[in-house]
Amino acid sequence: MTDRKDVKRVTIKDKRHSAPAETGSTSLGAHTNPQRSSGGDDPVSAQNVAGTEAGYLADLQRVQAEFENYRKRMMREQSDTARRATSKLVERLLPVLDNFELAIAHGEGGEGVALVYRELKTVLEAAGLEEIPAEGQAFDPMVHEAIMSREDESVTQETVTEVHRAGYRLGDQLLRAATVVVARPPEPQASAEEVAEA
């Protein structure tokens, strides 16, 4: 049992309803809108509210612009990734296309091989594959790779006369240059007078 003499009296104060003198803050019940308590419009408060709203609006517009830029960048990166993947796959299928062409040129496989070749080429063209025009075209070193050239009096400029291996592009990307034979116009013969002068 405890003795009553040892018991101390404890006083509990609720500080939420008292305002400390040094901080100058008001009690919980005294927190009211200054505009409502005064009954009039406080221009300083209105300016603060307008400035805060403008700041929030500017932040929102900035975040919205950043998100739009991020979305566009991600779409561009996804498109680039898909295009690179398609390019690699199509490039790996070009030798298969070449082998089909060789088999058909040598009369091997019959109509079945020709049918598979046409279907494969149709699928690759739907993916954007395009054969580079070569035979009969003016020689273009950007898309044609000459393996041989010979003089030909019937041409006035370097012209592709034979295609050994077709060239392809995918969209604006060159996958493989066409391997070709080029006919070039004969070089002008030096006259006897020019030879004597030399």
C-alpha atoms as a PDB file:
ATOM      1  CA  MET A   1       0.000   0.000   0.000  1.00  0.00           C
ATOM      2  CA  THR A   2       1.244   3.489  -0.728  1.00  0.00           C
ATOM      3  CA  ASP A   3       1.180   6.197   1.824  1.00  0.00           C
ATOM      4  CA  ARG A   4      -0.919   9.276   0.929  1.00  0.00           C
ATOM      5  CA  LYS A   5       1.958  11.533   1.919  1.00  0.00           C
ATOM      6  CA  ASP A   6       4.047  10.244  -1.015  1.00  0.00           C
ATOM      7  CA  VAL A   7       1.444  11.103  -3.646  1.00  0.00           C
ATOM      8  CA  LYS A   8       2.184  14.297  -5.606  1.00  0.00           C
ATOM      9  CA  ARG A   9      -0.346  16.326  -7.385  1.00  0.00           C
ATOM     10  CA  VAL A  10       0.238  16.662 -11.177  1.00  0.00           C
ATOM     11  CA  THR A  11      -1.326  19.441 -13.234  1.00  0.00           C
ATOM     12  CA  ILE A  12      -1.822  18.921 -16.995  1.00  0.00           C
ATOM     13  CA  LYS A  13      -2.262  21.939 -19.242  1.00  0.00           C
ATOM     14  CA  ASP A  14      -3.587  21.788 -22.799  1.00  0.00           C
ATOM     15  CA  LYS A  15      -1.185  24.061 -24.691  1.00  0.00           C
ATOM     16  CA  ARG A  16      -3.207  23.923 -27.885  1.00  0.00           C
ATOM     17  CA  HIS A  17      -5.554  26.580 -26.595  1.00  0.00           C
ATOM     18  CA  SER A  18      -2.938  28.912 -25.182  1.00  0.00           C
ATOM     19  CA  ALA A  19      -0.792  31.273 -27.226  1.00  0.00           C
ATOM     20  CA  PRO A  20       2.855  31.691 -26.232  1.00  0.00           C
ATOM     21  CA  ALA A  21       3.627  35.346 -25.798  1.00  0.00           C
ATOM     22  CA  GLU A  22       7.041  35.209 -27.452  1.00  0.00           C
ATOM     23  CA  THR A  23       5.956  33.659 -30.783  1.00  0.00           C
ATOM     24  CA  GLY A  24       2.845  35.759 -31.164  1.00  0.00           C
ATOM     25  CA  SER A  25       0.848  32.812 -32.594  1.00  0.00           C
ATOM     26  CA  THR A  26      -2.890  32.606 -32.031  1.00  0.00           C
ATOM     27  CA  SER A  27      -4.834  29.840 -30.370  1.00  0.00           C
ATOM     28  CA  LEU A  28      -6.507  27.082 -32.357  1.00  0.00           C
ATOM     29  CA  GLY A  29      -9.863  28.779 -32.168  1.00  0.00           C
ATOM     30  CA  ALA A  30      -8.392  32.060 -33.338  1.00  0.00           C
ATOM     31  CA  HIS A  31      -7.142  30.655 -36.711  1.00  0.00           C
ATOM     32  CA  THR A  32      -9.521  32.376 -39.090  1.00  0.00           C
ATOM     33  CA  ASN A  33      -9.275  33.843 -42.544  1.00  0.00           C
ATOM     34  CA  PRO A  34      -8.142  37.475 -42.164  1.00  0.00           C
ATOM     35  CA  GLN A  35     -10.431  38.495 -44.999  1.00  0.00           C
ATOM     36  CA  ARG A  36     -13.456  36.996 -43.253  1.00  0.00           C
ATOM     37  CA  SER A  37     -12.595  38.356 -39.819  1.00  0.00           C
ATOM     38  CA  SER A  38     -12.023  41.889 -41.026  1.00  0.00           C
ATOM     39  CA  GLY A  39     -15.086  41.808 -43.194  1.00  0.00           C
ATOM     40  CA  GLY A  40     -13.208  43.465 -46.119  1.00  0.00           C
ATOM     41  CA  ASP A  41     -10.743  42.550 -48.849  1.00  0.00           C
ATOM     42  CA  ASP A  42      -7.090  42.341 -47.841  1.00  0.00           C
ATOM     43  CA  PRO A  43      -5.045  43.313 -50.952  1.00  0.00           C
ATOM     44  CA  VAL A  44      -1.829  41.728 -49.586  1.00  0.00           C
ATOM     45  CA  SER A  45      -3.512  38.336 -49.124  1.00  0.00           C
ATOM     46  CA  ALA A  46      -5.149  38.532 -52.559  1.00  0.00           C
ATOM     47  CA  GLN A  47      -1.757  39.211 -54.146  1.00  0.00           C
ATOM     48  CA  ASN A  48      -0.189  36.270 -52.280  1.00  0.00           C
ATOM     49  CA  VAL A  49      -2.989  33.955 -53.410  1.00  0.00           C
ATOM     50  CA  ALA A  50      -2.716  35.175 -57.030  1.00  0.00           C
ATOM     51  CA  GLY A  51       1.085  34.753 -56.955  1.00  0.00           C
ATOM     52  CA  THR A  52       0.776  31.247 -55.536  1.00  0.00           C
ATOM     53  CA  GLU A  53      -1.801  30.267 -58.149  1.00  0.00           C
ATOM     54  CA  ALA A  54       0.427  31.614 -60.945  1.00  0.00           C
ATOM     55  CA  GLY A  55       3.364  29.624 -59.534  1.00  0.00           C
ATOM     56  CA  TYR A  56       1.300  26.430 -59.425  1.00  0.00           C
ATOM     57  CA  LEU A  57       0.088  27.011 -62.974  1.00  0.00           C
ATOM     58  CA  ALA A  58       3.664  27.587 -64.231  1.00  0.00           C
ATOM     59  CA  ASP A  59       4.825  24.395 -62.465  1.00  0.00           C
ATOM     60  CA  LEU A  60       1.945  22.435 -63.964  1.00  0.00           C
ATOM     61  CA  GLN A  61       2.681  23.740 -67.465  1.00  0.00           C
ATOM     62  CA  ARG A  62       6.385  22.911 -67.084  1.00  0.00           C
ATOM     63  CA  VAL A  63       5.631  19.352 -65.897  1.00  0.00           C
ATOM     64  CA  GLN A  64       3.139  18.907 -68.723  1.00  0.00           C
ATOM     65  CA  ALA A  65       5.702  20.076 -71.320  1.00  0.00           C
ATOM     66  CA  GLU A  66       8.371  17.772 -69.852  1.00  0.00           C
ATOM     67  CA  PHE A  67       5.989  14.816 -69.990  1.00  0.00           C
ATOM     68  CA  GLU A  68       5.071  15.569 -73.609  1.00  0.00           C
ATOM     69  CA  ASN A  69       8.769  15.754 -74.560  1.00  0.00           C
ATOM     70  CA  TYR A  70       9.407  12.472 -72.710  1.00  0.00           C
ATOM     71  CA  ARG A  71       6.489  10.785 -74.506  1.00  0.00           C
ATOM     72  CA  LYS A  72       7.732  11.948 -77.922  1.00  0.00           C
ATOM     73  CA  ARG A  73      11.290  10.852 -77.143  1.00  0.00           C
ATOM     74  CA  MET A  74      10.114   7.394 -76.025  1.00  0.00           C
ATOM     75  CA  MET A  75       7.992   6.958 -79.166  1.00  0.00           C
ATOM     76  CA  ARG A  76      10.968   7.978 -81.315  1.00  0.00           C
ATOM     77  CA  GLU A  77      13.270   5.543 -79.499  1.00  0.00           C
ATOM     78  CA  GLN A  78      10.752   2.707 -79.843  1.00  0.00           C
ATOM     79  CA  SER A  79      10.392   3.451 -83.552  1.00  0.00           C
ATOM     80  CA  ASP A  80      14.185   3.495 -84.009  1.00  0.00           C
ATOM     81  CA  THR A  81      14.548   0.208 -82.113  1.00  0.00           C
ATOM     82  CA  ALA A  82      11.871  -1.466 -84.239  1.00  0.00           C
ATOM     83  CA  ARG A  83      13.473  -0.157 -87.446  1.00  0.00           C
ATOM     84  CA  ARG A  84      16.926  -1.436 -86.411  1.00  0.00           C
ATOM     85  CA  ALA A  85      15.513  -4.854 -85.525  1.00  0.00           C
ATOM     86  CA  THR A  86      13.687  -5.076 -88.862  1.00  0.00           C
ATOM     87  CA  SER A  87      16.823  -3.974 -90.699  1.00  0.00           C
ATOM     88  CA  LYS A  88      18.957  -6.675 -89.048  1.00  0.00           C
ATOM     89  CA  LEU A  89      16.406  -9.412 -89.756  1.00  0.00           C
ATOM     90  CA  VAL A  90      15.949  -8.407 -93.398  1.00  0.00           C
ATOM     91  CA  GLU A  91      19.719  -8.146 -93.873  1.00  0.00           C
ATOM     92  CA  ARG A  92      20.134 -11.713 -92.576  1.00  0.00           C
ATOM     93  CA  LEU A  93      17.446 -12.947 -94.999  1.00  0.00           C
ATOM     94  CA  LEU A  94      19.112 -11.447 -98.107  1.00  0.00           C
ATOM     95  CA  PRO A  95      21.401 -14.487 -98.656  1.00  0.00           C
ATOM     96  CA  VAL A  96      18.302 -16.730 -98.495  1.00  0.00           C
ATOM     97  CA  LEU A  97      16.708 -14.570-101.191  1.00  0.00           C
ATOM     98  CA  ASP A  98      19.912 -14.854-103.277  1.00  0.00           C
ATOM     99  CA  ASN A  99      19.912 -18.656-102.959  1.00  0.00           C
ATOM    100  CA  PHE A 100      16.301 -18.834-104.111  1.00  0.00           C
ATOM    101  CA  GLU A 101      17.180 -16.692-107.148  1.00  0.00           C
ATOM    102  CA  LEU A 102      20.155 -18.947-107.986  1.00  0.00           C
ATOM    103  CA  ALA A 103      18.023 -22.079-107.630  1.00  0.00           C
ATOM    104  CA  ILE A 104      15.339 -20.652-109.922  1.00  0.00           C
ATOM    105  CA  ALA A 105      17.976 -19.483-112.462  1.00  0.00           C
ATOM    106  CA  HIS A 106      19.387 -23.022-112.607  1.00  0.00           C
ATOM    107  CA  GLY A 107      15.908 -24.560-112.932  1.00  0.00           C
ATOM    108  CA  GLU A 108      16.023 -26.342-109.586  1.00  0.00           C
ATOM    109  CA  GLY A 109      13.027 -26.979-107.351  1.00  0.00           C
ATOM    110  CA  GLY A 110      10.338 -26.322-109.921  1.00  0.00           C
ATOM    111  CA  GLU A 111       7.226 -24.276-109.261  1.00  0.00           C
ATOM    112  CA  GLY A 112       7.334 -24.882-105.490  1.00  0.00           C
ATOM    113  CA  VAL A 113      10.639 -23.064-105.045  1.00  0.00           C
ATOM    114  CA  ALA A 114       9.447 -20.194-107.247  1.00  0.00           C
ATOM    115  CA  LEU A 115       6.278 -19.906-105.153  1.00  0.00           C
ATOM    116  CA  VAL A 116       8.210 -19.803-101.852  1.00  0.00           C
ATOM    117  CA  TYR A 117      10.598 -17.230-103.350  1.00  0.00           C
ATOM    118  CA  ARG A 118       7.717 -14.964-104.421  1.00  0.00           C
ATOM    119  CA  GLU A 119       6.066 -15.220-101.001  1.00  0.00           C
ATOM    120  CA  LEU A 120       9.322 -14.437 -99.186  1.00  0.00           C
ATOM    121  CA  LYS A 121       9.978 -11.455-101.429  1.00  0.00           C
ATOM    122  CA  THR A 122       6.410 -10.176-100.917  1.00  0.00           C
ATOM    123  CA  VAL A 123       6.793 -10.368 -97.121  1.00  0.00           C
ATOM    124  CA  LEU A 124      10.155  -8.563 -97.234  1.00  0.00           C
ATOM    125  CA  GLU A 125       8.778  -5.858 -99.538  1.00  0.00           C
ATOM    126  CA  ALA A 126       5.872  -5.353 -97.116  1.00  0.00           C
ATOM    127  CA  ALA A 127       8.510  -4.740 -94.407  1.00  0.00           C
ATOM    128  CA  GLY A 128       9.990  -1.977 -96.602  1.00  0.00           C
ATOM    129  CA  LEU A 129      12.627  -3.865 -98.630  1.00  0.00           C
ATOM    130  CA  GLU A 130      13.236  -2.327-102.046  1.00  0.00           C
ATOM    131  CA  GLU A 131      15.476  -3.648-104.808  1.00  0.00           C
ATOM    132  CA  ILE A 132      17.894  -1.064-106.174  1.00  0.00           C
ATOM    133  CA  PRO A 133      17.376  -0.520-109.916  1.00  0.00           C
ATOM    134  CA  ALA A 134      20.579  -1.480-111.694  1.00  0.00           C
ATOM    135  CA  GLU A 135      20.532  -3.004-115.178  1.00  0.00           C
ATOM    136  CA  GLY A 136      20.414  -0.307-117.852  1.00  0.00           C
ATOM    137  CA  GLN A 137      20.798   2.438-115.246  1.00  0.00           C
ATOM    138  CA  ALA A 138      23.590   5.014-115.078  1.00  0.00           C
ATOM    139  CA  PHE A 139      26.339   3.747-112.760  1.00  0.00           C
ATOM    140  CA  ASP A 140      25.985   5.241-109.279  1.00  0.00           C
ATOM    141  CA  PRO A 141      28.865   4.388-106.929  1.00  0.00           C
ATOM    142  CA  MET A 142      26.608   5.090-103.946  1.00  0.00           C
ATOM    143  CA  VAL A 143      24.365   2.102-104.712  1.00  0.00           C
ATOM    144  CA  HIS A 144      26.322   0.093-107.303  1.00  0.00           C
ATOM    145  CA  GLU A 145      29.551  -1.848-106.764  1.00  0.00           C
ATOM    146  CA  ALA A 146      31.427  -2.415-110.022  1.00  0.00           C
ATOM    147  CA  ILE A 147      33.276  -5.732-110.243  1.00  0.00           C
ATOM    148  CA  MET A 148      34.260  -5.212-113.862  1.00  0.00           C
ATOM    149  CA  SER A 149      34.110  -2.508-116.516  1.00  0.00           C
ATOM    150  CA  ARG A 150      34.634  -2.536-120.255  1.00  0.00           C
ATOM    151  CA  GLU A 151      34.539  -0.034-123.055  1.00  0.00           C
ATOM    152  CA  ASP A 152      31.397   0.091-125.144  1.00  0.00           C
ATOM    153  CA  GLU A 153      30.891   2.454-128.085  1.00  0.00           C
ATOM    154  CA  SER A 154      27.108   2.295-127.712  1.00  0.00           C
ATOM    155  CA  VAL A 155      27.086   4.159-124.381  1.00  0.00           C
ATOM    156  CA  THR A 156      27.751   7.817-123.677  1.00  0.00           C
ATOM    157  CA  GLN A 157      28.144   7.455-119.908  1.00  0.00           C
ATOM    158  CA  GLU A 158      29.028   4.681-117.486  1.00  0.00           C
ATOM    159  CA  THR A 159      26.065   2.311-117.601  1.00  0.00           C
ATOM    160  CA  VAL A 160      25.266  -0.924-115.766  1.00  0.00           C
ATOM    161  CA  THR A 161      25.014  -3.776-118.276  1.00  0.00           C
ATOM    162  CA  GLU A 162      24.884  -6.830-115.991  1.00  0.00           C
ATOM    163  CA  VAL A 163      23.825  -7.469-112.405  1.00  0.00           C
ATOM    164  CA  HIS A 164      25.686 -10.242-110.585  1.00  0.00           C
ATOM    165  CA  ARG A 165      23.954  -9.712-107.243  1.00  0.00           C
ATOM    166  CA  ALA A 166      20.953  -7.526-106.573  1.00  0.00           C
ATOM    167  CA  GLY A 167      21.256  -4.595-104.200  1.00  0.00           C
ATOM    168  CA  TYR A 168      18.651  -3.633-101.630  1.00  0.00           C
ATOM    169  CA  ARG A 169      17.635  -0.733 -99.437  1.00  0.00           C
ATOM    170  CA  LEU A 170      15.243  -0.619 -96.515  1.00  0.00           C
ATOM    171  CA  GLY A 171      13.555   2.750 -96.439  1.00  0.00           C
ATOM    172  CA  ASP A 172      16.401   5.248 -96.797  1.00  0.00           C
ATOM    173  CA  GLN A 173      19.043   2.812 -95.466  1.00  0.00           C
ATOM    174  CA  LEU A 174      21.288   0.976 -97.924  1.00  0.00           C
ATOM    175  CA  LEU A 175      21.468  -2.688 -96.884  1.00  0.00           C
ATOM    176  CA  ARG A 176      23.641  -3.896 -99.746  1.00  0.00           C
ATOM    177  CA  ALA A 177      25.008  -2.346-102.925  1.00  0.00           C
ATOM    178  CA  ALA A 178      24.255  -4.067-106.228  1.00  0.00           C
ATOM    179  CA  THR A 179      27.246  -5.939-107.665  1.00  0.00           C
ATOM    180  CA  VAL A 180      27.402  -4.986-111.358  1.00  0.00           C
ATOM    181  CA  VAL A 181      29.350  -4.928-114.607  1.00  0.00           C
ATOM    182  CA  VAL A 182      29.733  -1.443-116.076  1.00  0.00           C
ATOM    183  CA  ALA A 183      30.068  -0.355-119.702  1.00  0.00           C
ATOM    184  CA  ARG A 184      31.941   2.874-120.193  1.00  0.00           C
ATOM    185  CA  PRO A 185      32.348   5.025-123.322  1.00  0.00           C
ATOM    186  CA  PRO A 186      35.685   4.598-125.105  1.00  0.00           C
ATOM    187  CA  GLU A 187      38.328   7.135-124.259  1.00  0.00           C
ATOM    188  CA  PRO A 188      39.065   9.563-127.085  1.00  0.00           C
ATOM    189  CA  GLN A 189      42.003   8.510-129.244  1.00  0.00           C
ATOM    190  CA  ALA A 190      44.839  10.972-129.405  1.00  0.00           C
ATOM    191  CA  SER A 191      45.419  12.200-132.950  1.00  0.00           C
ATOM    192  CA  ALA A 192      48.778  11.729-134.681  1.00  0.00           C
ATOM    193  CA  GLU A 193      49.482  15.482-134.414  1.00  0.00           C
ATOM    194  CA  GLU A 194      48.880  15.432-130.609  1.00  0.00           C
ATOM    195  CA  VAL A 195      51.184  12.409-130.260  1.00  0.00           C
ATOM    196  CA  ALA A 196      53.903  14.178-132.294  1.00  0.00           C
ATOM    197  CA  GLU A 197      53.570  17.323-130.160  1.00  0.00           C
ATOM    198  CA  ALA A 198      53.888  15.295-126.980  1.00  0.00           C
END
